[in-house]
């Protein structure tokens, strides 16, 4: 652990009892851009806001309305939003086209699916499939790109106060995801209230599915690991999404800020940022319009 990280962690631990009182009058405004309607993919963020975790960090968070369409990269680059959430492949494509964006956290860490070894394993009526050759396919080995990546504008991150805001935002966010792991019904209700498009039953099923993409998180929730970044970068390069290998740690992405946020949360013994004992609930897919 570097001296800089130790100093930042000590700063946050010292401030734990100060921030909530200060937040009442000096909350820093923060705007978040998501590229989809409010649903379980973003549950940790909405829960952190609804439960006061961001307020406790001295932040006043606003979510931009993603409808009818919202490009998170454009919103962050143009200064409409401080944080954006999107696929890492899209973030890399934006950088390849000159966009000043840097990934700072990666919530989803696991892959689901890939259980079919051959077409005959599909369940249901027989149908016809178009004939493809290997040359027609971009992904043939089950590798997927990282989703739900949190990113910011590089120039904004370089400003003096921005790193502290990022760490505070990540702390609140990680608390939100920790809460959604252990409080499925409450998070489903929060998301149903955030958007009437999906009912509480649907959100409950979705939150349960999303939790399985996050937990357990061996390195701690939100840490963007180099191996996962490189796998997505290789996939994007092979698919022609980007034309050259991207910059790595320190430019295209930073993992140190999420790690600092996690390290400071280790002093809160009510939290489990790795979810070692996590076991998914059994939730049946809901009927339509529920």
C-alpha atoms as a PDB file:
ATOM      1  CA  UNK A   1       0.000   0.000   0.000  1.00  0.00           C
ATOM      2  CA  UNK A   2       1.507   3.349  -1.044  1.00  0.00           C
ATOM      3  CA  UNK A   3       1.977   6.286   1.340  1.00  0.00           C
ATOM      4  CA  UNK A   4      -0.485   8.284  -0.755  1.00  0.00           C
ATOM      5  CA  UNK A   5      -3.183   5.630  -0.337  1.00  0.00           C
ATOM      6  CA  UNK A   6      -2.545   5.405   3.401  1.00  0.00           C
ATOM      7  CA  UNK A   7      -2.869   9.171   3.785  1.00  0.00           C
ATOM      8  CA  UNK A   8      -6.100   9.261   1.784  1.00  0.00           C
ATOM      9  CA  UNK A   9      -7.573   6.401   3.807  1.00  0.00           C
ATOM     10  CA  UNK A  10      -6.669   8.131   7.070  1.00  0.00           C
ATOM     11  CA  UNK A  11      -8.254  11.317   5.756  1.00  0.00           C
ATOM     12  CA  UNK A  12     -11.535   9.531   5.075  1.00  0.00           C
ATOM     13  CA  UNK A  13     -11.543   7.661   8.359  1.00  0.00           C
ATOM     14  CA  UNK A  14     -10.987  10.936  10.214  1.00  0.00           C
ATOM     15  CA  UNK A  15     -13.788  12.572   8.247  1.00  0.00           C
ATOM     16  CA  UNK A  16     -16.356   9.845   8.893  1.00  0.00           C
ATOM     17  CA  UNK A  17     -17.926  11.727  11.778  1.00  0.00           C
ATOM     18  CA  UNK A  18     -17.616  15.122  10.115  1.00  0.00           C
ATOM     19  CA  UNK A  19     -19.044  14.652   6.628  1.00  0.00           C
ATOM     20  CA  UNK A  20     -22.702  13.977   7.538  1.00  0.00           C
ATOM     21  CA  UNK A  21     -23.025  17.220   9.496  1.00  0.00           C
ATOM     22  CA  UNK A  22     -21.158  19.205   6.856  1.00  0.00           C
ATOM     23  CA  UNK A  23     -23.259  17.651   4.097  1.00  0.00           C
ATOM     24  CA  UNK A  24     -26.333  19.513   5.317  1.00  0.00           C
ATOM     25  CA  UNK A  25     -24.919  22.855   4.147  1.00  0.00           C
ATOM     26  CA  UNK A  26     -22.027  22.100   1.814  1.00  0.00           C
ATOM     27  CA  UNK A  27     -23.095  19.059  -0.207  1.00  0.00           C
ATOM     28  CA  UNK A  28     -21.172  18.842  -3.470  1.00  0.00           C
ATOM     29  CA  UNK A  29     -23.520  18.525  -6.471  1.00  0.00           C
ATOM     30  CA  UNK A  30     -22.905  15.389  -8.540  1.00  0.00           C
ATOM     31  CA  UNK A  31     -24.703  14.360 -11.728  1.00  0.00           C
ATOM     32  CA  UNK A  32     -24.872  10.790 -13.051  1.00  0.00           C
ATOM     33  CA  UNK A  33     -25.724   9.676 -16.601  1.00  0.00           C
ATOM     34  CA  UNK A  34     -27.072   6.166 -17.180  1.00  0.00           C
ATOM     35  CA  UNK A  35     -27.871   4.910 -20.646  1.00  0.00           C
ATOM     36  CA  UNK A  36     -31.006   2.992 -19.828  1.00  0.00           C
ATOM     37  CA  UNK A  37     -34.243   3.266 -17.869  1.00  0.00           C
ATOM     38  CA  UNK A  38     -33.853   2.918 -14.079  1.00  0.00           C
ATOM     39  CA  UNK A  39     -33.644  -0.801 -13.361  1.00  0.00           C
ATOM     40  CA  UNK A  40     -31.586  -3.315 -11.432  1.00  0.00           C
ATOM     41  CA  UNK A  41     -28.422  -2.756 -13.461  1.00  0.00           C
ATOM     42  CA  UNK A  42     -28.138   0.538 -11.566  1.00  0.00           C
ATOM     43  CA  UNK A  43     -29.748  -0.549  -8.288  1.00  0.00           C
ATOM     44  CA  UNK A  44     -26.723   0.159  -6.111  1.00  0.00           C
ATOM     45  CA  UNK A  45     -26.602   3.777  -7.259  1.00  0.00           C
ATOM     46  CA  UNK A  46     -30.302   4.447  -6.743  1.00  0.00           C
ATOM     47  CA  UNK A  47     -30.235   2.651  -3.387  1.00  0.00           C
ATOM     48  CA  UNK A  48     -27.258   4.726  -2.250  1.00  0.00           C
ATOM     49  CA  UNK A  49     -29.223   7.859  -3.075  1.00  0.00           C
ATOM     50  CA  UNK A  50     -32.531   6.711  -1.560  1.00  0.00           C
ATOM     51  CA  UNK A  51     -30.923   5.438   1.649  1.00  0.00           C
ATOM     52  CA  UNK A  52     -28.832   8.557   2.243  1.00  0.00           C
ATOM     53  CA  UNK A  53     -25.406   7.039   1.633  1.00  0.00           C
ATOM     54  CA  UNK A  54     -24.452   9.793  -0.805  1.00  0.00           C
ATOM     55  CA  UNK A  55     -25.774  12.441   1.558  1.00  0.00           C
ATOM     56  CA  UNK A  56     -23.614  10.965   4.318  1.00  0.00           C
ATOM     57  CA  UNK A  57     -20.629  11.450   2.014  1.00  0.00           C
ATOM     58  CA  UNK A  58     -21.481  15.109   1.505  1.00  0.00           C
ATOM     59  CA  UNK A  59     -22.868  14.635  -2.009  1.00  0.00           C
ATOM     60  CA  UNK A  60     -26.117  15.772  -3.610  1.00  0.00           C
ATOM     61  CA  UNK A  61     -26.649  13.322  -6.477  1.00  0.00           C
ATOM     62  CA  UNK A  62     -28.877  13.891  -9.499  1.00  0.00           C
ATOM     63  CA  UNK A  63     -29.609  11.216 -12.122  1.00  0.00           C
ATOM     64  CA  UNK A  64     -30.149  12.517 -15.644  1.00  0.00           C
ATOM     65  CA  UNK A  65     -33.356  11.248 -17.239  1.00  0.00           C
ATOM     66  CA  UNK A  66     -32.177   8.696 -19.841  1.00  0.00           C
ATOM     67  CA  UNK A  67     -35.305   9.002 -21.965  1.00  0.00           C
ATOM     68  CA  UNK A  68     -35.951   9.238 -24.808  1.00  0.00           C
ATOM     69  CA  UNK A  69     -32.233   8.736 -25.451  1.00  0.00           C
ATOM     70  CA  UNK A  70     -29.119   9.609 -23.498  1.00  0.00           C
ATOM     71  CA  UNK A  71     -25.532   8.914 -24.509  1.00  0.00           C
ATOM     72  CA  UNK A  72     -23.575   8.662 -21.238  1.00  0.00           C
ATOM     73  CA  UNK A  73     -20.246   9.338 -22.966  1.00  0.00           C
ATOM     74  CA  UNK A  74     -21.530  12.502 -24.639  1.00  0.00           C
ATOM     75  CA  UNK A  75     -23.103  13.686 -21.381  1.00  0.00           C
ATOM     76  CA  UNK A  76     -19.828  13.268 -19.489  1.00  0.00           C
ATOM     77  CA  UNK A  77     -17.651  14.784 -22.215  1.00  0.00           C
ATOM     78  CA  UNK A  78     -19.974  17.780 -22.608  1.00  0.00           C
ATOM     79  CA  UNK A  79     -20.009  18.388 -18.860  1.00  0.00           C
ATOM     80  CA  UNK A  80     -23.699  17.561 -18.392  1.00  0.00           C
ATOM     81  CA  UNK A  81     -22.724  14.721 -16.064  1.00  0.00           C
ATOM     82  CA  UNK A  82     -19.810  14.043 -13.741  1.00  0.00           C
ATOM     83  CA  UNK A  83     -20.190  10.251 -13.867  1.00  0.00           C
ATOM     84  CA  UNK A  84     -21.384   7.945 -16.631  1.00  0.00           C
ATOM     85  CA  UNK A  85     -22.272   4.253 -16.647  1.00  0.00           C
ATOM     86  CA  UNK A  86     -21.915   2.142 -19.788  1.00  0.00           C
ATOM     87  CA  UNK A  87     -20.176  -0.878 -21.295  1.00  0.00           C
ATOM     88  CA  UNK A  88     -16.396  -0.708 -21.145  1.00  0.00           C
ATOM     89  CA  UNK A  89     -16.260  -1.420 -24.884  1.00  0.00           C
ATOM     90  CA  UNK A  90     -18.209   1.771 -25.531  1.00  0.00           C
ATOM     91  CA  UNK A  91     -15.884   3.708 -23.239  1.00  0.00           C
ATOM     92  CA  UNK A  92     -12.866   2.402 -25.153  1.00  0.00           C
ATOM     93  CA  UNK A  93     -14.498   3.290 -28.470  1.00  0.00           C
ATOM     94  CA  UNK A  94     -15.115   6.818 -27.212  1.00  0.00           C
ATOM     95  CA  UNK A  95     -11.458   7.147 -26.222  1.00  0.00           C
ATOM     96  CA  UNK A  96     -10.371   5.778 -29.592  1.00  0.00           C
ATOM     97  CA  UNK A  97     -12.377   8.555 -31.249  1.00  0.00           C
ATOM     98  CA  UNK A  98     -10.713  11.234 -29.140  1.00  0.00           C
ATOM     99  CA  UNK A  99     -13.177  11.358 -26.248  1.00  0.00           C
ATOM    100  CA  UNK A 100     -11.653  12.303 -22.902  1.00  0.00           C
ATOM    101  CA  UNK A 101     -13.081   9.557 -20.675  1.00  0.00           C
ATOM    102  CA  UNK A 102     -11.450   7.371 -18.029  1.00  0.00           C
ATOM    103  CA  UNK A 103     -12.954   4.260 -16.411  1.00  0.00           C
ATOM    104  CA  UNK A 104     -12.734   4.305 -12.604  1.00  0.00           C
ATOM    105  CA  UNK A 105     -14.776   1.322 -11.401  1.00  0.00           C
ATOM    106  CA  UNK A 106     -16.310  -1.920 -12.595  1.00  0.00           C
ATOM    107  CA  UNK A 107     -19.233  -3.287 -10.605  1.00  0.00           C
ATOM    108  CA  UNK A 108     -20.129  -6.425 -12.582  1.00  0.00           C
ATOM    109  CA  UNK A 109     -17.356  -8.975 -12.250  1.00  0.00           C
ATOM    110  CA  UNK A 110     -18.879 -12.337 -13.159  1.00  0.00           C
ATOM    111  CA  UNK A 111     -20.229 -13.895 -16.348  1.00  0.00           C
ATOM    112  CA  UNK A 112     -23.575 -15.657 -16.556  1.00  0.00           C
ATOM    113  CA  UNK A 113     -24.676 -17.878 -19.377  1.00  0.00           C
ATOM    114  CA  UNK A 114     -22.436 -19.792 -21.723  1.00  0.00           C
ATOM    115  CA  UNK A 115     -23.949 -23.076 -20.545  1.00  0.00           C
ATOM    116  CA  UNK A 116     -24.824 -24.335 -24.040  1.00  0.00           C
ATOM    117  CA  UNK A 117     -22.180 -26.377 -25.808  1.00  0.00           C
ATOM    118  CA  UNK A 118     -24.219 -27.035 -28.968  1.00  0.00           C
ATOM    119  CA  UNK A 119     -27.436 -25.958 -30.671  1.00  0.00           C
ATOM    120  CA  UNK A 120     -29.225 -29.197 -29.800  1.00  0.00           C
ATOM    121  CA  UNK A 121     -29.216 -28.152 -26.139  1.00  0.00           C
ATOM    122  CA  UNK A 122     -31.803 -25.433 -26.776  1.00  0.00           C
ATOM    123  CA  UNK A 123     -35.117 -26.235 -25.104  1.00  0.00           C
ATOM    124  CA  UNK A 124     -38.366 -25.695 -26.999  1.00  0.00           C
ATOM    125  CA  UNK A 125     -39.825 -26.251 -30.458  1.00  0.00           C
ATOM    126  CA  UNK A 126     -37.453 -26.923 -33.301  1.00  0.00           C
ATOM    127  CA  UNK A 127     -36.783 -23.966 -35.562  1.00  0.00           C
ATOM    128  CA  UNK A 128     -34.504 -22.946 -38.363  1.00  0.00           C
ATOM    129  CA  UNK A 129     -31.240 -21.087 -37.898  1.00  0.00           C
ATOM    130  CA  UNK A 130     -29.469 -19.092 -40.619  1.00  0.00           C
ATOM    131  CA  UNK A 131     -26.240 -20.734 -41.701  1.00  0.00           C
ATOM    132  CA  UNK A 132     -23.131 -18.872 -40.563  1.00  0.00           C
ATOM    133  CA  UNK A 133     -19.462 -19.605 -40.907  1.00  0.00           C
ATOM    134  CA  UNK A 134     -16.814 -18.829 -38.304  1.00  0.00           C
ATOM    135  CA  UNK A 135     -15.864 -15.735 -40.303  1.00  0.00           C
ATOM    136  CA  UNK A 136     -19.352 -14.317 -39.722  1.00  0.00           C
ATOM    137  CA  UNK A 137     -18.955 -14.432 -35.954  1.00  0.00           C
ATOM    138  CA  UNK A 138     -17.210 -11.920 -33.724  1.00  0.00           C
ATOM    139  CA  UNK A 139     -17.371 -13.891 -30.473  1.00  0.00           C
ATOM    140  CA  UNK A 140     -17.053 -17.662 -30.576  1.00  0.00           C
ATOM    141  CA  UNK A 141     -15.525 -18.531 -27.197  1.00  0.00           C
ATOM    142  CA  UNK A 142     -18.067 -17.127 -24.771  1.00  0.00           C
ATOM    143  CA  UNK A 143     -15.975 -14.109 -23.808  1.00  0.00           C
ATOM    144  CA  UNK A 144     -18.030 -11.034 -22.989  1.00  0.00           C
ATOM    145  CA  UNK A 145     -17.099  -7.413 -22.503  1.00  0.00           C
ATOM    146  CA  UNK A 146     -17.359  -5.724 -19.131  1.00  0.00           C
ATOM    147  CA  UNK A 147     -20.650  -3.988 -18.481  1.00  0.00           C
ATOM    148  CA  UNK A 148     -21.766  -1.349 -15.993  1.00  0.00           C
ATOM    149  CA  UNK A 149     -18.441   0.468 -16.047  1.00  0.00           C
ATOM    150  CA  UNK A 150     -18.299   3.775 -14.174  1.00  0.00           C
ATOM    151  CA  UNK A 151     -16.324   6.499 -15.950  1.00  0.00           C
ATOM    152  CA  UNK A 152     -15.542  10.211 -15.746  1.00  0.00           C
ATOM    153  CA  UNK A 153     -14.007  12.923 -17.918  1.00  0.00           C
ATOM    154  CA  UNK A 154     -10.221  12.818 -17.704  1.00  0.00           C
ATOM    155  CA  UNK A 155      -9.768  16.588 -17.477  1.00  0.00           C
ATOM    156  CA  UNK A 156     -12.330  16.791 -14.666  1.00  0.00           C
ATOM    157  CA  UNK A 157     -10.584  13.994 -12.769  1.00  0.00           C
ATOM    158  CA  UNK A 158      -7.340  15.976 -12.932  1.00  0.00           C
ATOM    159  CA  UNK A 159      -8.913  18.936 -11.109  1.00  0.00           C
ATOM    160  CA  UNK A 160      -7.773  19.330  -7.462  1.00  0.00           C
ATOM    161  CA  UNK A 161     -10.993  18.313  -5.669  1.00  0.00           C
ATOM    162  CA  UNK A 162     -12.233  15.672  -8.101  1.00  0.00           C
ATOM    163  CA  UNK A 163     -10.418  12.618  -6.744  1.00  0.00           C
ATOM    164  CA  UNK A 164     -11.924  13.192  -3.308  1.00  0.00           C
ATOM    165  CA  UNK A 165     -15.415  13.497  -4.832  1.00  0.00           C
ATOM    166  CA  UNK A 166     -14.859  10.278  -6.798  1.00  0.00           C
ATOM    167  CA  UNK A 167     -13.802   8.375  -3.683  1.00  0.00           C
ATOM    168  CA  UNK A 168     -16.792   9.675  -1.725  1.00  0.00           C
ATOM    169  CA  UNK A 169     -19.118   8.741  -4.577  1.00  0.00           C
ATOM    170  CA  UNK A 170     -17.609   5.261  -4.776  1.00  0.00           C
ATOM    171  CA  UNK A 171     -17.929   4.769  -1.024  1.00  0.00           C
ATOM    172  CA  UNK A 172     -21.623   5.597  -1.158  1.00  0.00           C
ATOM    173  CA  UNK A 173     -22.103   3.445  -4.245  1.00  0.00           C
ATOM    174  CA  UNK A 174     -20.394   0.420  -2.715  1.00  0.00           C
ATOM    175  CA  UNK A 175     -22.611   0.763   0.346  1.00  0.00           C
ATOM    176  CA  UNK A 176     -25.600   0.789  -1.981  1.00  0.00           C
ATOM    177  CA  UNK A 177     -24.558  -2.439  -3.674  1.00  0.00           C
ATOM    178  CA  UNK A 178     -23.770  -4.046  -0.311  1.00  0.00           C
ATOM    179  CA  UNK A 179     -27.298  -3.159   0.826  1.00  0.00           C
ATOM    180  CA  UNK A 180     -28.921  -4.534  -2.339  1.00  0.00           C
ATOM    181  CA  UNK A 181     -27.106  -7.828  -1.881  1.00  0.00           C
ATOM    182  CA  UNK A 182     -28.617  -8.360   1.566  1.00  0.00           C
ATOM    183  CA  UNK A 183     -31.947  -6.532   1.168  1.00  0.00           C
ATOM    184  CA  UNK A 184     -33.474  -7.765  -2.064  1.00  0.00           C
ATOM    185  CA  UNK A 185     -37.052  -6.675  -1.363  1.00  0.00           C
ATOM    186  CA  UNK A 186     -36.115  -3.163  -0.275  1.00  0.00           C
ATOM    187  CA  UNK A 187     -33.944  -2.560  -3.335  1.00  0.00           C
ATOM    188  CA  UNK A 188     -36.668  -3.890  -5.618  1.00  0.00           C
ATOM    189  CA  UNK A 189     -39.078  -1.385  -4.088  1.00  0.00           C
ATOM    190  CA  UNK A 190     -36.560   1.452  -4.512  1.00  0.00           C
ATOM    191  CA  UNK A 191     -36.172   0.638  -8.195  1.00  0.00           C
ATOM    192  CA  UNK A 192     -39.912   0.251  -8.752  1.00  0.00           C
ATOM    193  CA  UNK A 193     -40.410   3.712  -7.274  1.00  0.00           C
ATOM    194  CA  UNK A 194     -37.630   5.101  -9.472  1.00  0.00           C
ATOM    195  CA  UNK A 195     -39.397   4.008 -12.652  1.00  0.00           C
ATOM    196  CA  UNK A 196     -42.949   2.726 -13.115  1.00  0.00           C
ATOM    197  CA  UNK A 197     -41.982   0.930 -16.335  1.00  0.00           C
ATOM    198  CA  UNK A 198     -40.934  -2.117 -14.304  1.00  0.00           C
ATOM    199  CA  UNK A 199     -43.057  -3.343 -11.404  1.00  0.00           C
ATOM    200  CA  UNK A 200     -41.752  -4.461  -8.041  1.00  0.00           C
ATOM    201  CA  UNK A 201     -41.914  -8.171  -8.929  1.00  0.00           C
ATOM    202  CA  UNK A 202     -39.861  -7.621 -12.083  1.00  0.00           C
ATOM    203  CA  UNK A 203     -37.340  -5.473 -10.247  1.00  0.00           C
ATOM    204  CA  UNK A 204     -36.995  -8.108  -7.521  1.00  0.00           C
ATOM    205  CA  UNK A 205     -36.146 -10.770 -10.081  1.00  0.00           C
ATOM    206  CA  UNK A 206     -33.753  -8.402 -11.862  1.00  0.00           C
ATOM    207  CA  UNK A 207     -31.955  -7.339  -8.679  1.00  0.00           C
ATOM    208  CA  UNK A 208     -31.451 -10.997  -7.771  1.00  0.00           C
ATOM    209  CA  UNK A 209     -29.977 -11.696 -11.213  1.00  0.00           C
ATOM    210  CA  UNK A 210     -27.722  -8.633 -11.076  1.00  0.00           C
ATOM    211  CA  UNK A 211     -26.432  -9.581  -7.625  1.00  0.00           C
ATOM    212  CA  UNK A 212     -25.111 -12.795  -9.133  1.00  0.00           C
ATOM    213  CA  UNK A 213     -23.002 -10.755 -11.565  1.00  0.00           C
ATOM    214  CA  UNK A 214     -21.374  -8.907  -8.671  1.00  0.00           C
ATOM    215  CA  UNK A 215     -21.047 -11.269  -5.725  1.00  0.00           C
ATOM    216  CA  UNK A 216     -18.858 -12.701  -4.478  1.00  0.00           C
ATOM    217  CA  UNK A 217     -16.272 -10.083  -5.496  1.00  0.00           C
ATOM    218  CA  UNK A 218     -12.887 -11.552  -4.627  1.00  0.00           C
ATOM    219  CA  UNK A 219     -11.004  -8.266  -5.028  1.00  0.00           C
ATOM    220  CA  UNK A 220     -13.789  -6.162  -3.557  1.00  0.00           C
ATOM    221  CA  UNK A 221     -16.798  -4.692  -5.306  1.00  0.00           C
ATOM    222  CA  UNK A 222     -16.013  -2.128  -7.995  1.00  0.00           C
ATOM    223  CA  UNK A 223     -12.333  -2.814  -8.621  1.00  0.00           C
ATOM    224  CA  UNK A 224     -11.499  -2.857 -12.335  1.00  0.00           C
ATOM    225  CA  UNK A 225      -8.878  -5.574 -12.602  1.00  0.00           C
ATOM    226  CA  UNK A 226      -6.170  -5.453 -15.254  1.00  0.00           C
ATOM    227  CA  UNK A 227      -6.928  -8.938 -16.592  1.00  0.00           C
ATOM    228  CA  UNK A 228     -10.609  -8.110 -17.087  1.00  0.00           C
ATOM    229  CA  UNK A 229      -9.750  -4.792 -18.736  1.00  0.00           C
ATOM    230  CA  UNK A 230      -7.309  -6.486 -21.099  1.00  0.00           C
ATOM    231  CA  UNK A 231      -9.836  -9.191 -22.021  1.00  0.00           C
ATOM    232  CA  UNK A 232     -12.441  -6.586 -22.972  1.00  0.00           C
ATOM    233  CA  UNK A 233      -9.829  -4.512 -24.828  1.00  0.00           C
ATOM    234  CA  UNK A 234      -8.752  -7.578 -26.822  1.00  0.00           C
ATOM    235  CA  UNK A 235     -12.371  -8.356 -27.659  1.00  0.00           C
ATOM    236  CA  UNK A 236     -13.032  -4.774 -28.765  1.00  0.00           C
ATOM    237  CA  UNK A 237      -9.891  -4.795 -30.885  1.00  0.00           C
ATOM    238  CA  UNK A 238     -10.726  -8.124 -32.504  1.00  0.00           C
ATOM    239  CA  UNK A 239     -14.272  -6.990 -33.253  1.00  0.00           C
ATOM    240  CA  UNK A 240     -13.108  -3.779 -34.872  1.00  0.00           C
ATOM    241  CA  UNK A 241     -14.707  -1.606 -32.184  1.00  0.00           C
ATOM    242  CA  UNK A 242     -11.302   0.017 -31.681  1.00  0.00           C
ATOM    243  CA  UNK A 243      -8.480   0.122 -34.202  1.00  0.00           C
ATOM    244  CA  UNK A 244      -5.498  -0.104 -31.855  1.00  0.00           C
ATOM    245  CA  UNK A 245      -4.754  -1.359 -28.345  1.00  0.00           C
ATOM    246  CA  UNK A 246      -5.941   1.193 -25.765  1.00  0.00           C
ATOM    247  CA  UNK A 247      -3.900   2.910 -23.104  1.00  0.00           C
ATOM    248  CA  UNK A 248      -3.807   0.951 -19.883  1.00  0.00           C
ATOM    249  CA  UNK A 249      -3.734   1.710 -16.164  1.00  0.00           C
ATOM    250  CA  UNK A 250      -3.541   5.395 -15.355  1.00  0.00           C
ATOM    251  CA  UNK A 251      -5.078   6.640 -18.599  1.00  0.00           C
ATOM    252  CA  UNK A 252      -7.861   4.486 -20.066  1.00  0.00           C
ATOM    253  CA  UNK A 253      -8.712   3.309 -16.564  1.00  0.00           C
ATOM    254  CA  UNK A 254      -7.745   3.757 -12.932  1.00  0.00           C
ATOM    255  CA  UNK A 255      -8.246   1.159 -10.227  1.00  0.00           C
ATOM    256  CA  UNK A 256      -6.589   3.045  -7.375  1.00  0.00           C
ATOM    257  CA  UNK A 257      -9.580   5.235  -6.509  1.00  0.00           C
ATOM    258  CA  UNK A 258     -11.939   2.287  -6.063  1.00  0.00           C
ATOM    259  CA  UNK A 259      -9.287   0.547  -3.984  1.00  0.00           C
ATOM    260  CA  UNK A 260      -8.906   3.585  -1.715  1.00  0.00           C
ATOM    261  CA  UNK A 261     -12.682   3.709  -1.253  1.00  0.00           C
ATOM    262  CA  UNK A 262     -12.760   0.004  -0.407  1.00  0.00           C
ATOM    263  CA  UNK A 263      -9.830   0.241   1.996  1.00  0.00           C
ATOM    264  CA  UNK A 264     -11.541   3.022   3.934  1.00  0.00           C
ATOM    265  CA  UNK A 265     -14.707   0.922   4.219  1.00  0.00           C
ATOM    266  CA  UNK A 266     -12.808  -1.905   5.891  1.00  0.00           C
ATOM    267  CA  UNK A 267     -13.197   0.021   9.152  1.00  0.00           C
ATOM    268  CA  UNK A 268     -16.984  -0.379   8.903  1.00  0.00           C
ATOM    269  CA  UNK A 269     -17.591  -3.869  10.233  1.00  0.00           C
ATOM    270  CA  UNK A 270     -21.243  -3.837   9.176  1.00  0.00           C
ATOM    271  CA  UNK A 271     -20.152  -3.973   5.533  1.00  0.00           C
ATOM    272  CA  UNK A 272     -18.879  -6.909   3.514  1.00  0.00           C
ATOM    273  CA  UNK A 273     -17.290  -5.519   0.351  1.00  0.00           C
ATOM    274  CA  UNK A 274     -16.411  -8.973  -0.997  1.00  0.00           C
ATOM    275  CA  UNK A 275     -19.631 -10.865  -0.233  1.00  0.00           C
ATOM    276  CA  UNK A 276     -17.766 -14.076   0.554  1.00  0.00           C
ATOM    277  CA  UNK A 277     -20.791 -15.905   1.881  1.00  0.00           C
ATOM    278  CA  UNK A 278     -23.217 -14.668  -0.761  1.00  0.00           C
ATOM    279  CA  UNK A 279     -25.842 -17.105  -1.966  1.00  0.00           C
ATOM    280  CA  UNK A 280     -28.408 -16.080  -4.546  1.00  0.00           C
ATOM    281  CA  UNK A 281     -32.067 -16.166  -3.630  1.00  0.00           C
ATOM    282  CA  UNK A 282     -34.506 -18.282  -5.618  1.00  0.00           C
ATOM    283  CA  UNK A 283     -36.750 -15.863  -7.487  1.00  0.00           C
ATOM    284  CA  UNK A 284     -39.019 -17.076 -10.274  1.00  0.00           C
ATOM    285  CA  UNK A 285     -39.257 -14.908 -13.404  1.00  0.00           C
ATOM    286  CA  UNK A 286     -42.292 -12.660 -12.950  1.00  0.00           C
ATOM    287  CA  UNK A 287     -45.320 -12.678 -15.234  1.00  0.00           C
ATOM    288  CA  UNK A 288     -45.530  -9.948 -17.825  1.00  0.00           C
ATOM    289  CA  UNK A 289     -46.335  -6.410 -16.636  1.00  0.00           C
ATOM    290  CA  UNK A 290     -45.603  -7.167 -12.990  1.00  0.00           C
END
